[in-house]
């Protein structure tokens, strides 16, 4: 008999309402993310995609609804406690510490680990991203955009999170690095990681995803497998340019 925990969503967002001041951004949004899958969230600018991610990590607490992670209610958990629960976050815009080296950036991601475990964690990330190993002593501000994104993902991996949240991982990258980033995400899935991704490149995001959600004006509009959404004529017309 299968472990019942594997049949439950790792992340369950239920009827989330999020406001910015007096302006409501999310209206009863619900999503599920199961262990070992990639889930992509697509939608036009202003659909509430990044707001949803920030609500999950506590940056924009919801007015109503709840967020369950590993069957634990984390709806109003402060952001600084989220990494301890097993959630990694890769923010939009390749946020790195520009004046610090690649190695120092990775060490910042390992701040919760005992010192004797940090070396192994860094070695594991550098195996995942060999380019980081080659550039370990270089200030992060001198890296290319694609290298900075690899560093941001690597930093999120340092604590070996159960769930990785990615906000626009391909934004502003050259085609070469877009391919490399998406390949790395697929490899993370093969290794057993669970990923929830917000992505403007909707076609690529759905092609990569086990399942996807399309948001529009802060509401759930479509949900299905990634391939089914790619083949949905309404999704193609509204989000994929025909």
C-alpha atoms as a PDB file:
ATOM      1  CA  UNK A   1       0.000   0.000   0.000  1.00  0.00           C
ATOM      2  CA  UNK A   2       1.345   3.408  -0.939  1.00  0.00           C
ATOM      3  CA  UNK A   3       2.306   5.882   1.753  1.00  0.00           C
ATOM      4  CA  UNK A   4      -0.748   8.104   2.169  1.00  0.00           C
ATOM      5  CA  UNK A   5       1.522  11.163   2.499  1.00  0.00           C
ATOM      6  CA  UNK A   6       2.574  10.694  -1.129  1.00  0.00           C
ATOM      7  CA  UNK A   7      -1.055  10.983  -2.212  1.00  0.00           C
ATOM      8  CA  UNK A   8      -1.456  14.399  -0.570  1.00  0.00           C
ATOM      9  CA  UNK A   9      -0.223  17.611  -2.212  1.00  0.00           C
ATOM     10  CA  UNK A  10       3.141  18.782  -0.946  1.00  0.00           C
ATOM     11  CA  UNK A  11       1.765  22.311  -1.362  1.00  0.00           C
ATOM     12  CA  UNK A  12      -1.937  23.136  -1.245  1.00  0.00           C
ATOM     13  CA  UNK A  13      -3.161  26.693  -1.740  1.00  0.00           C
ATOM     14  CA  UNK A  14      -6.850  27.084  -1.007  1.00  0.00           C
ATOM     15  CA  UNK A  15      -9.104  30.018  -1.947  1.00  0.00           C
ATOM     16  CA  UNK A  16      -6.399  32.634  -1.539  1.00  0.00           C
ATOM     17  CA  UNK A  17      -7.335  36.305  -1.508  1.00  0.00           C
ATOM     18  CA  UNK A  18      -4.457  38.804  -1.457  1.00  0.00           C
ATOM     19  CA  UNK A  19      -4.715  42.590  -1.380  1.00  0.00           C
ATOM     20  CA  UNK A  20      -2.183  45.355  -1.915  1.00  0.00           C
ATOM     21  CA  UNK A  21      -3.675  48.013   0.304  1.00  0.00           C
ATOM     22  CA  UNK A  22      -7.233  48.536  -0.897  1.00  0.00           C
ATOM     23  CA  UNK A  23      -6.605  46.770  -4.222  1.00  0.00           C
ATOM     24  CA  UNK A  24      -7.444  43.071  -4.449  1.00  0.00           C
ATOM     25  CA  UNK A  25      -4.923  41.121  -6.546  1.00  0.00           C
ATOM     26  CA  UNK A  26      -5.875  37.456  -6.023  1.00  0.00           C
ATOM     27  CA  UNK A  27      -9.461  36.205  -5.943  1.00  0.00           C
ATOM     28  CA  UNK A  28      -9.960  32.733  -4.438  1.00  0.00           C
ATOM     29  CA  UNK A  29      -6.912  31.252  -6.187  1.00  0.00           C
ATOM     30  CA  UNK A  30      -6.271  27.555  -5.513  1.00  0.00           C
ATOM     31  CA  UNK A  31      -3.397  25.337  -6.669  1.00  0.00           C
ATOM     32  CA  UNK A  32      -1.929  21.944  -5.745  1.00  0.00           C
ATOM     33  CA  UNK A  33       1.660  20.809  -6.169  1.00  0.00           C
ATOM     34  CA  UNK A  34       2.503  17.120  -5.692  1.00  0.00           C
ATOM     35  CA  UNK A  35       5.868  15.660  -4.808  1.00  0.00           C
ATOM     36  CA  UNK A  36       8.296  15.214  -7.674  1.00  0.00           C
ATOM     37  CA  UNK A  37       6.447  17.280 -10.252  1.00  0.00           C
ATOM     38  CA  UNK A  38       6.963  20.569 -12.040  1.00  0.00           C
ATOM     39  CA  UNK A  39       3.964  22.894 -11.935  1.00  0.00           C
ATOM     40  CA  UNK A  40       3.958  26.009 -14.126  1.00  0.00           C
ATOM     41  CA  UNK A  41       1.844  29.101 -13.565  1.00  0.00           C
ATOM     42  CA  UNK A  42       1.235  31.193 -16.653  1.00  0.00           C
ATOM     43  CA  UNK A  43      -0.778  34.289 -17.423  1.00  0.00           C
ATOM     44  CA  UNK A  44      -0.413  37.848 -18.721  1.00  0.00           C
ATOM     45  CA  UNK A  45       1.254  40.663 -16.808  1.00  0.00           C
ATOM     46  CA  UNK A  46      -0.928  41.671 -13.902  1.00  0.00           C
ATOM     47  CA  UNK A  47      -2.521  38.238 -13.569  1.00  0.00           C
ATOM     48  CA  UNK A  48      -1.195  37.826 -10.024  1.00  0.00           C
ATOM     49  CA  UNK A  49       1.433  35.150 -10.687  1.00  0.00           C
ATOM     50  CA  UNK A  50       4.278  36.688  -8.689  1.00  0.00           C
ATOM     51  CA  UNK A  51       1.854  37.789  -5.975  1.00  0.00           C
ATOM     52  CA  UNK A  52       0.874  34.152  -5.520  1.00  0.00           C
ATOM     53  CA  UNK A  53       4.503  33.097  -5.075  1.00  0.00           C
ATOM     54  CA  UNK A  54       5.133  35.934  -2.604  1.00  0.00           C
ATOM     55  CA  UNK A  55       2.031  34.979  -0.637  1.00  0.00           C
ATOM     56  CA  UNK A  56       3.331  31.419  -0.296  1.00  0.00           C
ATOM     57  CA  UNK A  57       6.652  32.611   1.157  1.00  0.00           C
ATOM     58  CA  UNK A  58       5.020  35.098   3.501  1.00  0.00           C
ATOM     59  CA  UNK A  59       5.932  38.362   1.773  1.00  0.00           C
ATOM     60  CA  UNK A  60       2.280  39.186   1.068  1.00  0.00           C
ATOM     61  CA  UNK A  61       0.094  37.435   3.653  1.00  0.00           C
ATOM     62  CA  UNK A  62      -3.405  36.667   2.357  1.00  0.00           C
ATOM     63  CA  UNK A  63      -6.594  38.237   3.650  1.00  0.00           C
ATOM     64  CA  UNK A  64      -8.448  34.930   3.361  1.00  0.00           C
ATOM     65  CA  UNK A  65      -7.659  31.332   2.385  1.00  0.00           C
ATOM     66  CA  UNK A  66      -4.876  29.080   3.563  1.00  0.00           C
ATOM     67  CA  UNK A  67      -1.549  27.646   2.474  1.00  0.00           C
ATOM     68  CA  UNK A  68      -0.639  24.100   3.494  1.00  0.00           C
ATOM     69  CA  UNK A  69       2.899  22.781   3.053  1.00  0.00           C
ATOM     70  CA  UNK A  70       3.630  19.174   3.910  1.00  0.00           C
ATOM     71  CA  UNK A  71       0.192  19.148   5.597  1.00  0.00           C
ATOM     72  CA  UNK A  72       1.229  22.038   7.870  1.00  0.00           C
ATOM     73  CA  UNK A  73      -0.631  25.352   7.808  1.00  0.00           C
ATOM     74  CA  UNK A  74       1.966  28.007   6.902  1.00  0.00           C
ATOM     75  CA  UNK A  75      -0.484  30.746   5.897  1.00  0.00           C
ATOM     76  CA  UNK A  76       0.935  33.376   8.238  1.00  0.00           C
ATOM     77  CA  UNK A  77       4.461  32.056   8.678  1.00  0.00           C
ATOM     78  CA  UNK A  78       7.041  34.897   8.664  1.00  0.00           C
ATOM     79  CA  UNK A  79       9.299  34.889   5.578  1.00  0.00           C
ATOM     80  CA  UNK A  80      12.503  34.273   7.551  1.00  0.00           C
ATOM     81  CA  UNK A  81      11.134  30.941   8.777  1.00  0.00           C
ATOM     82  CA  UNK A  82      10.126  29.631   5.347  1.00  0.00           C
ATOM     83  CA  UNK A  83      13.582  28.189   4.410  1.00  0.00           C
ATOM     84  CA  UNK A  84      13.593  26.145   7.614  1.00  0.00           C
ATOM     85  CA  UNK A  85      10.391  24.436   6.504  1.00  0.00           C
ATOM     86  CA  UNK A  86      12.023  23.169   3.299  1.00  0.00           C
ATOM     87  CA  UNK A  87      10.978  25.800   0.757  1.00  0.00           C
ATOM     88  CA  UNK A  88      13.578  27.386  -1.513  1.00  0.00           C
ATOM     89  CA  UNK A  89      12.894  30.621  -3.393  1.00  0.00           C
ATOM     90  CA  UNK A  90      14.498  31.954  -6.569  1.00  0.00           C
ATOM     91  CA  UNK A  91      13.262  35.558  -6.975  1.00  0.00           C
ATOM     92  CA  UNK A  92      12.623  37.364 -10.207  1.00  0.00           C
ATOM     93  CA  UNK A  93      15.513  39.378 -11.598  1.00  0.00           C
ATOM     94  CA  UNK A  94      18.513  37.149 -10.781  1.00  0.00           C
ATOM     95  CA  UNK A  95      18.956  38.609  -7.289  1.00  0.00           C
ATOM     96  CA  UNK A  96      22.531  37.952  -6.178  1.00  0.00           C
ATOM     97  CA  UNK A  97      24.988  39.713  -3.873  1.00  0.00           C
ATOM     98  CA  UNK A  98      26.956  41.488  -6.590  1.00  0.00           C
ATOM     99  CA  UNK A  99      30.074  42.371  -4.584  1.00  0.00           C
ATOM    100  CA  UNK A 100      30.386  38.879  -3.105  1.00  0.00           C
ATOM    101  CA  UNK A 101      31.996  35.958  -4.895  1.00  0.00           C
ATOM    102  CA  UNK A 102      30.101  32.987  -6.255  1.00  0.00           C
ATOM    103  CA  UNK A 103      31.327  30.931  -3.280  1.00  0.00           C
ATOM    104  CA  UNK A 104      30.242  33.577  -0.784  1.00  0.00           C
ATOM    105  CA  UNK A 105      26.796  33.758  -2.398  1.00  0.00           C
ATOM    106  CA  UNK A 106      26.420  29.999  -2.030  1.00  0.00           C
ATOM    107  CA  UNK A 107      27.556  30.189   1.573  1.00  0.00           C
ATOM    108  CA  UNK A 108      24.815  32.757   2.216  1.00  0.00           C
ATOM    109  CA  UNK A 109      22.309  30.195   1.008  1.00  0.00           C
ATOM    110  CA  UNK A 110      23.703  27.693   3.504  1.00  0.00           C
ATOM    111  CA  UNK A 111      23.420  29.927   6.560  1.00  0.00           C
ATOM    112  CA  UNK A 112      21.167  27.445   8.371  1.00  0.00           C
ATOM    113  CA  UNK A 113      23.548  24.524   7.896  1.00  0.00           C
ATOM    114  CA  UNK A 114      26.211  23.575  10.434  1.00  0.00           C
ATOM    115  CA  UNK A 115      29.640  24.582   9.148  1.00  0.00           C
ATOM    116  CA  UNK A 116      30.764  20.988   8.592  1.00  0.00           C
ATOM    117  CA  UNK A 117      27.846  20.431   6.166  1.00  0.00           C
ATOM    118  CA  UNK A 118      28.330  23.528   4.042  1.00  0.00           C
ATOM    119  CA  UNK A 119      31.289  22.206   2.049  1.00  0.00           C
ATOM    120  CA  UNK A 120      29.335  19.170   0.864  1.00  0.00           C
ATOM    121  CA  UNK A 121      26.308  21.308  -0.001  1.00  0.00           C
ATOM    122  CA  UNK A 122      28.443  23.666  -2.081  1.00  0.00           C
ATOM    123  CA  UNK A 123      30.145  20.746  -3.836  1.00  0.00           C
ATOM    124  CA  UNK A 124      26.761  19.277  -4.736  1.00  0.00           C
ATOM    125  CA  UNK A 125      25.556  22.564  -6.238  1.00  0.00           C
ATOM    126  CA  UNK A 126      28.793  23.004  -8.182  1.00  0.00           C
ATOM    127  CA  UNK A 127      28.322  19.516  -9.619  1.00  0.00           C
ATOM    128  CA  UNK A 128      24.828  20.562 -10.695  1.00  0.00           C
ATOM    129  CA  UNK A 129      26.187  23.790 -12.214  1.00  0.00           C
ATOM    130  CA  UNK A 130      29.819  23.224 -13.306  1.00  0.00           C
ATOM    131  CA  UNK A 131      30.063  26.802 -14.542  1.00  0.00           C
ATOM    132  CA  UNK A 132      29.761  27.998 -10.943  1.00  0.00           C
ATOM    133  CA  UNK A 133      32.706  25.839  -9.953  1.00  0.00           C
ATOM    134  CA  UNK A 134      34.765  27.462 -12.701  1.00  0.00           C
ATOM    135  CA  UNK A 135      33.802  30.949 -11.484  1.00  0.00           C
ATOM    136  CA  UNK A 136      33.780  30.358  -7.724  1.00  0.00           C
ATOM    137  CA  UNK A 137      36.161  33.256  -6.910  1.00  0.00           C
ATOM    138  CA  UNK A 138      34.512  35.774  -9.275  1.00  0.00           C
ATOM    139  CA  UNK A 139      32.243  38.516  -7.848  1.00  0.00           C
ATOM    140  CA  UNK A 140      28.640  37.704  -8.757  1.00  0.00           C
ATOM    141  CA  UNK A 141      28.207  41.123 -10.339  1.00  0.00           C
ATOM    142  CA  UNK A 142      30.727  40.154 -13.026  1.00  0.00           C
ATOM    143  CA  UNK A 143      28.798  37.055 -14.118  1.00  0.00           C
ATOM    144  CA  UNK A 144      26.611  36.966 -17.210  1.00  0.00           C
ATOM    145  CA  UNK A 145      22.848  37.044 -16.721  1.00  0.00           C
ATOM    146  CA  UNK A 146      22.609  33.317 -17.273  1.00  0.00           C
ATOM    147  CA  UNK A 147      25.394  32.599 -14.800  1.00  0.00           C
ATOM    148  CA  UNK A 148      23.710  34.808 -12.221  1.00  0.00           C
ATOM    149  CA  UNK A 149      20.482  32.858 -12.650  1.00  0.00           C
ATOM    150  CA  UNK A 150      22.346  29.592 -12.158  1.00  0.00           C
ATOM    151  CA  UNK A 151      23.850  31.092  -9.002  1.00  0.00           C
ATOM    152  CA  UNK A 152      20.432  32.167  -7.734  1.00  0.00           C
ATOM    153  CA  UNK A 153      19.067  28.656  -8.316  1.00  0.00           C
ATOM    154  CA  UNK A 154      22.166  27.103  -6.756  1.00  0.00           C
ATOM    155  CA  UNK A 155      21.824  29.291  -3.678  1.00  0.00           C
ATOM    156  CA  UNK A 156      18.208  28.133  -3.272  1.00  0.00           C
ATOM    157  CA  UNK A 157      19.390  24.509  -3.472  1.00  0.00           C
ATOM    158  CA  UNK A 158      21.904  24.826  -0.652  1.00  0.00           C
ATOM    159  CA  UNK A 159      19.429  23.692   2.017  1.00  0.00           C
ATOM    160  CA  UNK A 160      18.147  20.822  -0.160  1.00  0.00           C
ATOM    161  CA  UNK A 161      14.562  22.132  -0.093  1.00  0.00           C
ATOM    162  CA  UNK A 162      11.537  19.912  -0.546  1.00  0.00           C
ATOM    163  CA  UNK A 163       9.956  22.568  -2.800  1.00  0.00           C
ATOM    164  CA  UNK A 164      11.636  25.155  -5.035  1.00  0.00           C
ATOM    165  CA  UNK A 165       9.679  28.269  -6.058  1.00  0.00           C
ATOM    166  CA  UNK A 166      10.966  30.091  -9.146  1.00  0.00           C
ATOM    167  CA  UNK A 167       9.727  33.502 -10.265  1.00  0.00           C
ATOM    168  CA  UNK A 168      10.401  34.112 -13.986  1.00  0.00           C
ATOM    169  CA  UNK A 169      13.614  32.045 -14.228  1.00  0.00           C
ATOM    170  CA  UNK A 170      14.168  32.808 -17.944  1.00  0.00           C
ATOM    171  CA  UNK A 171      13.422  36.547 -17.772  1.00  0.00           C
ATOM    172  CA  UNK A 172      15.952  38.624 -19.709  1.00  0.00           C
ATOM    173  CA  UNK A 173      18.227  35.737 -20.622  1.00  0.00           C
ATOM    174  CA  UNK A 174      19.778  35.032 -24.009  1.00  0.00           C
ATOM    175  CA  UNK A 175      18.354  32.017 -25.895  1.00  0.00           C
ATOM    176  CA  UNK A 176      21.460  30.016 -24.997  1.00  0.00           C
ATOM    177  CA  UNK A 177      20.952  30.521 -21.277  1.00  0.00           C
ATOM    178  CA  UNK A 178      17.194  30.041 -21.498  1.00  0.00           C
ATOM    179  CA  UNK A 179      17.918  26.543 -22.798  1.00  0.00           C
ATOM    180  CA  UNK A 180      20.461  25.919 -20.068  1.00  0.00           C
ATOM    181  CA  UNK A 181      18.127  27.084 -17.305  1.00  0.00           C
ATOM    182  CA  UNK A 182      15.206  24.986 -18.506  1.00  0.00           C
ATOM    183  CA  UNK A 183      17.494  21.976 -18.918  1.00  0.00           C
ATOM    184  CA  UNK A 184      18.715  22.448 -15.356  1.00  0.00           C
ATOM    185  CA  UNK A 185      15.130  22.575 -14.050  1.00  0.00           C
ATOM    186  CA  UNK A 186      14.312  19.340 -15.835  1.00  0.00           C
ATOM    187  CA  UNK A 187      17.416  17.751 -14.318  1.00  0.00           C
ATOM    188  CA  UNK A 188      16.321  18.888 -10.855  1.00  0.00           C
ATOM    189  CA  UNK A 189      13.006  17.132 -11.416  1.00  0.00           C
ATOM    190  CA  UNK A 190      14.843  13.967 -12.482  1.00  0.00           C
ATOM    191  CA  UNK A 191      16.740  14.150  -9.190  1.00  0.00           C
ATOM    192  CA  UNK A 192      13.442  14.172  -7.289  1.00  0.00           C
ATOM    193  CA  UNK A 193      12.984  17.866  -6.616  1.00  0.00           C
ATOM    194  CA  UNK A 194       9.542  19.475  -6.696  1.00  0.00           C
ATOM    195  CA  UNK A 195       9.250  22.796  -8.526  1.00  0.00           C
ATOM    196  CA  UNK A 196       6.602  25.506  -8.768  1.00  0.00           C
ATOM    197  CA  UNK A 197       7.456  28.006 -11.493  1.00  0.00           C
ATOM    198  CA  UNK A 198       5.992  31.316 -12.615  1.00  0.00           C
ATOM    199  CA  UNK A 199       7.076  31.948 -16.194  1.00  0.00           C
ATOM    200  CA  UNK A 200       6.256  34.422 -18.982  1.00  0.00           C
ATOM    201  CA  UNK A 201       7.564  32.009 -21.617  1.00  0.00           C
ATOM    202  CA  UNK A 202       4.297  30.107 -21.408  1.00  0.00           C
ATOM    203  CA  UNK A 203       4.923  27.572 -24.167  1.00  0.00           C
ATOM    204  CA  UNK A 204       8.275  26.476 -22.732  1.00  0.00           C
ATOM    205  CA  UNK A 205       6.902  26.441 -19.194  1.00  0.00           C
ATOM    206  CA  UNK A 206       3.966  24.205 -20.133  1.00  0.00           C
ATOM    207  CA  UNK A 207       6.147  21.911 -22.233  1.00  0.00           C
ATOM    208  CA  UNK A 208       8.302  21.356 -19.154  1.00  0.00           C
ATOM    209  CA  UNK A 209       5.441  21.004 -16.684  1.00  0.00           C
ATOM    210  CA  UNK A 210       3.578  17.976 -15.407  1.00  0.00           C
ATOM    211  CA  UNK A 211       0.662  20.293 -14.713  1.00  0.00           C
ATOM    212  CA  UNK A 212      -0.101  23.950 -15.180  1.00  0.00           C
ATOM    213  CA  UNK A 213      -2.380  26.748 -14.068  1.00  0.00           C
ATOM    214  CA  UNK A 214      -3.374  29.797 -16.090  1.00  0.00           C
ATOM    215  CA  UNK A 215      -4.292  32.880 -14.098  1.00  0.00           C
ATOM    216  CA  UNK A 216      -6.195  35.852 -15.427  1.00  0.00           C
ATOM    217  CA  UNK A 217      -6.973  39.012 -13.469  1.00  0.00           C
ATOM    218  CA  UNK A 218      -6.137  37.256 -10.233  1.00  0.00           C
ATOM    219  CA  UNK A 219      -8.371  34.241 -10.795  1.00  0.00           C
ATOM    220  CA  UNK A 220      -7.932  30.618 -11.821  1.00  0.00           C
ATOM    221  CA  UNK A 221      -8.841  30.390 -15.515  1.00  0.00           C
ATOM    222  CA  UNK A 222      -7.478  27.019 -16.712  1.00  0.00           C
ATOM    223  CA  UNK A 223      -5.819  24.044 -15.060  1.00  0.00           C
ATOM    224  CA  UNK A 224      -4.717  20.761 -16.631  1.00  0.00           C
ATOM    225  CA  UNK A 225      -1.625  18.801 -17.536  1.00  0.00           C
ATOM    226  CA  UNK A 226       1.059  20.833 -19.241  1.00  0.00           C
ATOM    227  CA  UNK A 227       0.529  19.040 -22.551  1.00  0.00           C
ATOM    228  CA  UNK A 228      -3.254  19.412 -22.416  1.00  0.00           C
ATOM    229  CA  UNK A 229      -2.916  23.147 -21.832  1.00  0.00           C
ATOM    230  CA  UNK A 230      -0.503  23.401 -24.757  1.00  0.00           C
ATOM    231  CA  UNK A 231      -3.114  21.707 -26.946  1.00  0.00           C
ATOM    232  CA  UNK A 232      -6.072  23.720 -25.611  1.00  0.00           C
ATOM    233  CA  UNK A 233      -7.197  26.093 -28.364  1.00  0.00           C
ATOM    234  CA  UNK A 234      -8.384  28.723 -25.884  1.00  0.00           C
ATOM    235  CA  UNK A 235      -5.102  28.620 -23.982  1.00  0.00           C
ATOM    236  CA  UNK A 236      -3.170  28.884 -27.236  1.00  0.00           C
ATOM    237  CA  UNK A 237      -5.257  31.839 -28.369  1.00  0.00           C
ATOM    238  CA  UNK A 238      -5.132  33.703 -25.064  1.00  0.00           C
ATOM    239  CA  UNK A 239      -1.634  32.938 -23.766  1.00  0.00           C
ATOM    240  CA  UNK A 240       0.488  31.441 -26.528  1.00  0.00           C
ATOM    241  CA  UNK A 241      -0.110  33.836 -29.382  1.00  0.00           C
ATOM    242  CA  UNK A 242      -2.378  31.579 -31.438  1.00  0.00           C
END
